[in-house]
C-alpha atoms as a PDB file:
ATOM      1  CA  MET A   1     -29.715  38.583  39.271  1.00  0.00           C
ATOM      2  CA  GLY A   2     -32.363  36.639  41.460  1.00  0.00           C
ATOM      3  CA  GLN A   3     -34.788  37.278  44.048  1.00  0.00           C
ATOM      4  CA  GLN A   4     -34.563  40.661  45.799  1.00  0.00           C
ATOM      5  CA  VAL A   5     -34.435  40.909  49.513  1.00  0.00           C
ATOM      6  CA  PRO A   6     -35.977  43.881  51.116  1.00  0.00           C
ATOM      7  CA  ILE A   7     -33.390  46.048  52.978  1.00  0.00           C
ATOM      8  CA  ALA A   8     -34.112  47.554  56.274  1.00  0.00           C
ATOM      9  CA  PHE A   9     -32.445  50.957  56.618  1.00  0.00           C
ATOM     10  CA  ASN A  10     -32.249  52.240  60.363  1.00  0.00           C
ATOM     11  CA  ASP A  11     -33.868  55.629  61.440  1.00  0.00           C
ATOM     12  CA  GLN A  12     -30.730  57.363  60.153  1.00  0.00           C
ATOM     13  CA  GLY A  13     -31.370  55.750  56.615  1.00  0.00           C
ATOM     14  CA  LEU A  14     -28.325  53.505  56.957  1.00  0.00           C
ATOM     15  CA  VAL A  15     -27.643  49.619  56.840  1.00  0.00           C
ATOM     16  CA  PRO A  16     -24.644  47.952  58.065  1.00  0.00           C
ATOM     17  CA  CYS A  17     -22.569  46.517  55.248  1.00  0.00           C
ATOM     18  CA  ILE A  18     -20.174  43.416  55.938  1.00  0.00           C
ATOM     19  CA  VAL A  19     -17.274  42.827  53.459  1.00  0.00           C
ATOM     20  CA  GLN A  20     -15.925  39.598  53.060  1.00  0.00           C
ATOM     21  CA  ASP A  21     -13.238  37.883  51.149  1.00  0.00           C
ATOM     22  CA  ALA A  22     -14.896  35.794  48.266  1.00  0.00           C
ATOM     23  CA  VAL A  23     -12.617  32.733  48.987  1.00  0.00           C
ATOM     24  CA  THR A  24     -12.013  32.599  52.406  1.00  0.00           C
ATOM     25  CA  GLN A  25     -15.170  34.250  53.940  1.00  0.00           C
ATOM     26  CA  GLN A  26     -13.085  36.185  56.207  1.00  0.00           C
ATOM     27  CA  VAL A  27     -14.557  39.257  57.610  1.00  0.00           C
ATOM     28  CA  LEU A  28     -12.722  42.145  56.265  1.00  0.00           C
ATOM     29  CA  MET A  29     -14.484  45.384  57.374  1.00  0.00           C
ATOM     30  CA  MET A  30     -17.963  46.732  58.330  1.00  0.00           C
ATOM     31  CA  ALA A  31     -19.262  50.207  56.822  1.00  0.00           C
ATOM     32  CA  TRP A  32     -22.304  51.782  56.380  1.00  0.00           C
ATOM     33  CA  MET A  33     -24.305  52.412  53.328  1.00  0.00           C
ATOM     34  CA  ASN A  34     -27.123  54.674  52.413  1.00  0.00           C
ATOM     35  CA  GLN A  35     -29.724  54.290  49.475  1.00  0.00           C
ATOM     36  CA  GLU A  36     -27.572  56.184  47.448  1.00  0.00           C
ATOM     37  CA  ALA A  37     -24.321  54.208  48.264  1.00  0.00           C
ATOM     38  CA  LEU A  38     -26.031  50.996  47.745  1.00  0.00           C
ATOM     39  CA  THR A  39     -27.263  52.117  44.280  1.00  0.00           C
ATOM     40  CA  ARG A  40     -24.024  53.258  43.168  1.00  0.00           C
ATOM     41  CA  THR A  41     -22.478  49.940  44.426  1.00  0.00           C
ATOM     42  CA  VAL A  42     -24.964  48.002  42.289  1.00  0.00           C
ATOM     43  CA  GLN A  43     -24.254  50.051  39.257  1.00  0.00           C
ATOM     44  CA  SER A  44     -20.661  50.205  39.293  1.00  0.00           C
ATOM     45  CA  GLY A  45     -19.676  46.982  41.138  1.00  0.00           C
ATOM     46  CA  GLU A  46     -17.487  48.572  43.201  1.00  0.00           C
ATOM     47  CA  ALA A  47     -18.089  49.488  46.980  1.00  0.00           C
ATOM     48  CA  VAL A  48     -19.481  52.771  47.905  1.00  0.00           C
ATOM     49  CA  PHE A  49     -20.223  53.448  51.409  1.00  0.00           C
ATOM     50  CA  TRP A  50     -21.631  56.228  53.300  1.00  0.00           C
ATOM     51  CA  SER A  51     -19.019  57.909  55.823  1.00  0.00           C
ATOM     52  CA  ARG A  52     -20.913  59.213  59.027  1.00  0.00           C
ATOM     53  CA  SER A  53     -17.888  61.080  60.045  1.00  0.00           C
ATOM     54  CA  ARG A  54     -17.615  63.204  56.903  1.00  0.00           C
ATOM     55  CA  GLN A  55     -21.300  62.902  56.200  1.00  0.00           C
ATOM     56  CA  ALA A  56     -20.064  62.077  52.459  1.00  0.00           C
ATOM     57  CA  LEU A  57     -20.177  58.979  50.195  1.00  0.00           C
ATOM     58  CA  TRP A  58     -17.097  57.087  50.428  1.00  0.00           C
ATOM     59  CA  HIS A  59     -15.932  55.113  47.135  1.00  0.00           C
ATOM     60  CA  LYS A  60     -13.755  52.347  48.954  1.00  0.00           C
ATOM     61  CA  GLY A  61     -10.133  52.471  47.545  1.00  0.00           C
ATOM     62  CA  ALA A  62     -10.674  55.512  45.386  1.00  0.00           C
ATOM     63  CA  THR A  63      -8.030  57.735  47.096  1.00  0.00           C
ATOM     64  CA  SER A  64      -5.467  54.938  47.412  1.00  0.00           C
ATOM     65  CA  GLY A  65      -6.239  53.439  43.911  1.00  0.00           C
ATOM     66  CA  ASN A  66      -6.987  50.008  45.386  1.00  0.00           C
ATOM     67  CA  THR A  67     -10.631  49.874  44.213  1.00  0.00           C
END
């Protein structure tokens, strides 16, 4: 997969994640990831974020079916 880059989580254990369109490079959203969300994203190939308001993992599109 290439060279690994160290990820600097903040004091709350979170890192900002910017989601972009692969073709146009347009920024689609910004969300937060904790270590578990990052691990699940890498393992599944689907975006998993940390919801600060719900204090829970958030599998993007799981409710709507748009994963």
